[in-house]
Amino acid sequence: MTDARRELLAKRADLVARADGLTAAPVDTGGISFGKRVGDGTAMAVERLTNVAAHEQILVQLGEVDRALTKLDEGTYGQCDTCGGPIPEGRLEIHPWAIRCVTCASGG
């Protein structure tokens, strides 16, 4: 197994565990009400919205990891999905799940 595949599989397992943790049913909080003042209910709502946003980011990154694993299987790992150019080794060392070169990833 290549180092890249090993790193990608480890990252995938981490992302799945984090996503599962965010989607777990909340602990019973009893009767929380929402009023005019910031209280437990408001804080819980803000926390839940933060968790939803984090979950969405995790799913995006999970998609990139899965795509990078597919690219390994296809023999196109290290090639930008957008322009077809090479993804620099340094970028792949930092983010083995990178599927776009720096220019394409930054929208340029």
N, C-alpha and C. Protein backbone atom coordinates (compact mmCIF):
# COMPACT_ATOMS: atom_id res chain seq x y z
N MET A 1 0.86 -1.19 0.00
CA MET A 1 0.00 0.00 0.00
C MET A 1 0.89 1.24 0.00
N THR A 2 0.58 2.18 -0.85
CA THR A 2 1.38 3.40 -0.93
C THR A 2 1.15 4.27 0.30
N ASP A 3 2.12 5.16 0.56
CA ASP A 3 1.97 6.09 1.68
C ASP A 3 0.75 6.99 1.48
N ALA A 4 0.55 7.43 0.25
CA ALA A 4 -0.60 8.30 -0.03
C ALA A 4 -1.90 7.58 0.28
N ARG A 5 -2.02 6.33 -0.15
CA ARG A 5 -3.25 5.56 0.12
C ARG A 5 -3.44 5.39 1.63
N ARG A 6 -2.37 5.08 2.33
CA ARG A 6 -2.45 4.89 3.79
C ARG A 6 -2.92 6.18 4.47
N GLU A 7 -2.33 7.31 4.06
CA GLU A 7 -2.73 8.60 4.63
C GLU A 7 -4.17 8.94 4.29
N LEU A 8 -4.57 8.68 3.06
CA LEU A 8 -5.95 8.97 2.65
C LEU A 8 -6.94 8.11 3.41
N LEU A 9 -6.63 6.84 3.59
CA LEU A 9 -7.54 5.95 4.33
C LEU A 9 -7.64 6.37 5.80
N ALA A 10 -6.52 6.80 6.38
CA ALA A 10 -6.54 7.28 7.77
C ALA A 10 -7.37 8.56 7.88
N LYS A 11 -7.18 9.47 6.92
CA LYS A 11 -7.95 10.72 6.92
C LYS A 11 -9.44 10.42 6.73
N ARG A 12 -9.75 9.47 5.87
CA ARG A 12 -11.15 9.10 5.63
C ARG A 12 -11.78 8.56 6.91
N ALA A 13 -11.06 7.68 7.62
CA ALA A 13 -11.59 7.13 8.87
C ALA A 13 -11.82 8.23 9.90
N ASP A 14 -10.90 9.19 9.97
CA ASP A 14 -11.04 10.31 10.90
C ASP A 14 -12.26 11.16 10.54
N LEU A 15 -12.43 11.47 9.26
CA LEU A 15 -13.56 12.30 8.84
C LEU A 15 -14.90 11.60 9.09
N VAL A 16 -14.96 10.29 8.82
CA VAL A 16 -16.19 9.54 9.06
C VAL A 16 -16.52 9.55 10.55
N ALA A 17 -15.51 9.36 11.40
CA ALA A 17 -15.75 9.37 12.85
C ALA A 17 -16.23 10.75 13.31
N ARG A 18 -15.61 11.81 12.77
CA ARG A 18 -16.04 13.16 13.15
C ARG A 18 -17.46 13.45 12.67
N ALA A 19 -17.77 13.02 11.46
CA ALA A 19 -19.13 13.23 10.92
C ALA A 19 -20.14 12.46 11.75
N ASP A 20 -19.81 11.24 12.11
CA ASP A 20 -20.72 10.44 12.93
C ASP A 20 -20.95 11.09 14.29
N GLY A 21 -19.90 11.66 14.85
CA GLY A 21 -20.02 12.34 16.14
C GLY A 21 -20.93 13.56 16.07
N LEU A 22 -20.90 14.25 14.94
CA LEU A 22 -21.74 15.44 14.78
C LEU A 22 -23.19 15.10 14.48
N THR A 23 -23.43 13.91 13.95
CA THR A 23 -24.80 13.55 13.61
C THR A 23 -25.46 12.70 14.68
N ALA A 24 -24.74 12.42 15.76
CA ALA A 24 -25.33 11.64 16.85
C ALA A 24 -26.47 12.44 17.46
N ALA A 25 -27.48 11.73 17.91
CA ALA A 25 -28.63 12.39 18.52
C ALA A 25 -28.19 13.16 19.76
N PRO A 26 -28.68 14.38 19.92
CA PRO A 26 -28.30 15.16 21.10
C PRO A 26 -28.82 14.51 22.38
N VAL A 27 -28.08 14.75 23.44
CA VAL A 27 -28.50 14.26 24.75
C VAL A 27 -29.78 15.00 25.14
N ASP A 28 -30.70 14.30 25.78
CA ASP A 28 -31.98 14.90 26.20
C ASP A 28 -31.69 16.13 27.05
N THR A 29 -32.18 17.26 26.60
CA THR A 29 -31.92 18.52 27.29
C THR A 29 -33.09 18.99 28.12
N GLY A 30 -34.13 18.24 28.15
CA GLY A 30 -35.29 18.64 28.92
C GLY A 30 -36.08 19.71 28.20
N GLY A 31 -36.81 20.49 28.94
CA GLY A 31 -37.65 21.52 28.36
C GLY A 31 -36.92 22.83 28.20
N ILE A 32 -36.23 23.02 27.11
CA ILE A 32 -35.52 24.27 26.84
C ILE A 32 -36.46 25.17 26.06
N SER A 33 -36.57 26.41 26.52
CA SER A 33 -37.44 27.35 25.82
C SER A 33 -36.60 28.49 25.26
N PHE A 34 -37.13 29.12 24.24
CA PHE A 34 -36.46 30.24 23.61
C PHE A 34 -37.25 31.49 23.95
N GLY A 35 -36.58 32.43 24.57
CA GLY A 35 -37.23 33.67 24.95
C GLY A 35 -36.48 34.85 24.38
N LYS A 36 -36.72 36.01 24.96
CA LYS A 36 -36.07 37.22 24.47
C LYS A 36 -34.61 37.30 24.91
N ARG A 37 -34.30 36.67 26.02
CA ARG A 37 -32.92 36.73 26.52
C ARG A 37 -32.13 35.52 26.03
N VAL A 38 -30.84 35.74 25.87
CA VAL A 38 -29.97 34.64 25.46
C VAL A 38 -29.86 33.69 26.65
N GLY A 39 -30.18 32.45 26.38
CA GLY A 39 -30.12 31.45 27.43
C GLY A 39 -29.66 30.13 26.87
N ASP A 40 -29.95 29.08 27.60
CA ASP A 40 -29.53 27.75 27.18
C ASP A 40 -30.07 27.38 25.80
N GLY A 41 -31.32 27.70 25.54
CA GLY A 41 -31.92 27.34 24.26
C GLY A 41 -31.23 28.01 23.10
N THR A 42 -30.91 29.29 23.25
CA THR A 42 -30.22 30.02 22.18
C THR A 42 -28.81 29.48 21.99
N ALA A 43 -28.12 29.23 23.08
CA ALA A 43 -26.76 28.69 22.99
C ALA A 43 -26.78 27.33 22.32
N MET A 44 -27.78 26.52 22.61
CA MET A 44 -27.88 25.20 21.99
C MET A 44 -28.16 25.33 20.50
N ALA A 45 -29.00 26.29 20.13
CA ALA A 45 -29.31 26.50 18.72
C ALA A 45 -28.07 26.94 17.95
N VAL A 46 -27.29 27.84 18.53
CA VAL A 46 -26.06 28.30 17.89
C VAL A 46 -25.07 27.14 17.76
N GLU A 47 -24.95 26.33 18.80
CA GLU A 47 -24.05 25.18 18.75
C GLU A 47 -24.49 24.21 17.65
N ARG A 48 -25.79 23.99 17.55
CA ARG A 48 -26.30 23.07 16.53
C ARG A 48 -26.02 23.59 15.12
N LEU A 49 -26.21 24.90 14.90
CA LEU A 49 -25.92 25.49 13.60
C LEU A 49 -24.43 25.37 13.27
N THR A 50 -23.58 25.56 14.28
CA THR A 50 -22.13 25.41 14.09
C THR A 50 -21.81 23.97 13.72
N ASN A 51 -22.45 23.01 14.37
CA ASN A 51 -22.23 21.60 14.07
C ASN A 51 -22.68 21.24 12.65
N VAL A 52 -23.78 21.84 12.22
CA VAL A 52 -24.27 21.58 10.86
C VAL A 52 -23.26 22.09 9.84
N ALA A 53 -22.73 23.29 10.07
CA ALA A 53 -21.73 23.85 9.15
C ALA A 53 -20.47 22.99 9.15
N ALA A 54 -20.03 22.55 10.33
CA ALA A 54 -18.84 21.69 10.42
C ALA A 54 -19.08 20.37 9.70
N HIS A 55 -20.28 19.83 9.85
CA HIS A 55 -20.62 18.56 9.20
C HIS A 55 -20.56 18.71 7.68
N GLU A 56 -21.07 19.82 7.17
CA GLU A 56 -21.03 20.06 5.73
C GLU A 56 -19.60 20.16 5.22
N GLN A 57 -18.73 20.83 5.98
CA GLN A 57 -17.32 20.94 5.59
C GLN A 57 -16.64 19.57 5.60
N ILE A 58 -16.97 18.76 6.59
CA ILE A 58 -16.41 17.41 6.68
C ILE A 58 -16.84 16.59 5.46
N LEU A 59 -18.11 16.71 5.08
CA LEU A 59 -18.59 15.95 3.92
C LEU A 59 -17.89 16.39 2.63
N VAL A 60 -17.60 17.67 2.49
CA VAL A 60 -16.88 18.16 1.31
C VAL A 60 -15.48 17.55 1.30
N GLN A 61 -14.81 17.59 2.45
CA GLN A 61 -13.46 17.04 2.52
C GLN A 61 -13.48 15.52 2.31
N LEU A 62 -14.50 14.86 2.83
CA LEU A 62 -14.63 13.42 2.62
C LEU A 62 -14.77 13.11 1.13
N GLY A 63 -15.52 13.93 0.42
CA GLY A 63 -15.65 13.76 -1.02
C GLY A 63 -14.32 13.91 -1.73
N GLU A 64 -13.50 14.86 -1.27
CA GLU A 64 -12.18 15.05 -1.86
C GLU A 64 -11.27 13.86 -1.57
N VAL A 65 -11.35 13.32 -0.36
CA VAL A 65 -10.54 12.14 -0.01
C VAL A 65 -10.96 10.96 -0.88
N ASP A 66 -12.27 10.76 -1.01
CA ASP A 66 -12.76 9.66 -1.86
C ASP A 66 -12.32 9.84 -3.31
N ARG A 67 -12.36 11.09 -3.79
CA ARG A 67 -11.93 11.35 -5.17
C ARG A 67 -10.44 11.07 -5.32
N ALA A 68 -9.63 11.47 -4.32
CA ALA A 68 -8.19 11.21 -4.38
C ALA A 68 -7.92 9.71 -4.39
N LEU A 69 -8.68 8.94 -3.62
CA LEU A 69 -8.53 7.48 -3.62
C LEU A 69 -8.88 6.91 -5.00
N THR A 70 -9.93 7.43 -5.61
CA THR A 70 -10.30 7.00 -6.96
C THR A 70 -9.20 7.34 -7.95
N LYS A 71 -8.63 8.54 -7.81
CA LYS A 71 -7.55 8.96 -8.70
C LYS A 71 -6.34 8.03 -8.55
N LEU A 72 -6.07 7.57 -7.33
CA LEU A 72 -4.99 6.60 -7.14
C LEU A 72 -5.26 5.34 -7.95
N ASP A 73 -6.50 4.87 -7.87
CA ASP A 73 -6.89 3.66 -8.60
C ASP A 73 -6.82 3.85 -10.11
N GLU A 74 -7.16 5.06 -10.57
CA GLU A 74 -7.17 5.37 -12.01
C GLU A 74 -5.78 5.67 -12.55
N GLY A 75 -4.84 5.94 -11.64
CA GLY A 75 -3.50 6.33 -12.07
C GLY A 75 -3.37 7.81 -12.38
N THR A 76 -4.34 8.63 -11.92
CA THR A 76 -4.30 10.07 -12.19
C THR A 76 -4.04 10.88 -10.92
N TYR A 77 -3.62 10.21 -9.85
CA TYR A 77 -3.33 10.91 -8.60
C TYR A 77 -2.19 11.90 -8.85
N GLY A 78 -2.36 13.13 -8.36
CA GLY A 78 -1.36 14.16 -8.58
C GLY A 78 -1.63 15.02 -9.80
N GLN A 79 -2.73 14.74 -10.48
CA GLN A 79 -3.13 15.51 -11.66
C GLN A 79 -4.37 16.32 -11.29
N CYS A 80 -4.37 17.60 -11.61
CA CYS A 80 -5.48 18.50 -11.28
C CYS A 80 -6.75 18.09 -12.01
N ASP A 81 -7.84 17.99 -11.26
CA ASP A 81 -9.14 17.65 -11.86
C ASP A 81 -9.66 18.76 -12.77
N THR A 82 -9.23 20.00 -12.55
CA THR A 82 -9.76 21.12 -13.31
C THR A 82 -8.97 21.39 -14.59
N CYS A 83 -7.65 21.58 -14.45
CA CYS A 83 -6.85 21.96 -15.63
C CYS A 83 -6.03 20.80 -16.20
N GLY A 84 -5.93 19.71 -15.46
CA GLY A 84 -5.17 18.56 -15.92
C GLY A 84 -3.68 18.65 -15.66
N GLY A 85 -3.23 19.78 -15.13
CA GLY A 85 -1.81 19.96 -14.84
C GLY A 85 -1.41 19.21 -13.57
N PRO A 86 -0.11 19.17 -13.31
CA PRO A 86 0.36 18.46 -12.12
C PRO A 86 0.07 19.24 -10.84
N ILE A 87 -0.23 18.50 -9.80
CA ILE A 87 -0.35 19.09 -8.46
C ILE A 87 1.03 18.96 -7.83
N PRO A 88 1.63 20.06 -7.37
CA PRO A 88 2.98 20.01 -6.81
C PRO A 88 3.09 19.01 -5.65
N GLU A 89 4.24 18.33 -5.59
CA GLU A 89 4.48 17.34 -4.53
C GLU A 89 4.29 17.94 -3.14
N GLY A 90 4.75 19.18 -2.96
CA GLY A 90 4.61 19.83 -1.65
C GLY A 90 3.16 19.95 -1.23
N ARG A 91 2.29 20.26 -2.18
CA ARG A 91 0.85 20.36 -1.87
C ARG A 91 0.30 18.99 -1.49
N LEU A 92 0.72 17.96 -2.21
CA LEU A 92 0.24 16.61 -1.91
C LEU A 92 0.78 16.09 -0.58
N GLU A 93 1.97 16.54 -0.20
CA GLU A 93 2.52 16.15 1.10
C GLU A 93 1.70 16.75 2.23
N ILE A 94 1.29 18.00 2.05
CA ILE A 94 0.51 18.68 3.08
C ILE A 94 -0.94 18.21 3.07
N HIS A 95 -1.52 18.09 1.87
CA HIS A 95 -2.91 17.68 1.69
C HIS A 95 -2.96 16.54 0.68
N PRO A 96 -2.77 15.31 1.13
CA PRO A 96 -2.78 14.18 0.18
C PRO A 96 -4.10 14.05 -0.58
N TRP A 97 -5.15 14.68 -0.08
CA TRP A 97 -6.47 14.59 -0.71
C TRP A 97 -6.67 15.71 -1.73
N ALA A 98 -5.64 16.50 -2.00
CA ALA A 98 -5.76 17.59 -2.98
C ALA A 98 -6.09 17.01 -4.35
N ILE A 99 -7.12 17.55 -4.96
CA ILE A 99 -7.53 17.08 -6.29
C ILE A 99 -7.44 18.19 -7.33
N ARG A 100 -7.01 19.38 -6.88
CA ARG A 100 -6.81 20.51 -7.77
C ARG A 100 -5.47 21.18 -7.43
N CYS A 101 -4.83 21.75 -8.44
CA CYS A 101 -3.60 22.50 -8.20
C CYS A 101 -3.95 23.78 -7.41
N VAL A 102 -2.94 24.46 -6.93
CA VAL A 102 -3.15 25.66 -6.12
C VAL A 102 -3.92 26.72 -6.90
N THR A 103 -3.56 26.93 -8.15
CA THR A 103 -4.21 27.95 -8.97
C THR A 103 -5.70 27.65 -9.13
N CYS A 104 -6.04 26.42 -9.48
CA CYS A 104 -7.45 26.06 -9.68
C CYS A 104 -8.22 26.03 -8.36
N ALA A 105 -7.56 25.59 -7.29
CA ALA A 105 -8.23 25.53 -5.99
C ALA A 105 -8.56 26.91 -5.45
N SER A 106 -7.74 27.91 -5.84
CA SER A 106 -7.99 29.26 -5.36
C SER A 106 -8.90 30.05 -6.29
N GLY A 107 -9.42 29.37 -7.32
CA GLY A 107 -10.36 30.02 -8.22
C GLY A 107 -9.69 30.83 -9.32
N GLY A 108 -8.40 30.70 -9.44
CA GLY A 108 -7.66 31.49 -10.44
C GLY A 108 -7.51 30.74 -11.65
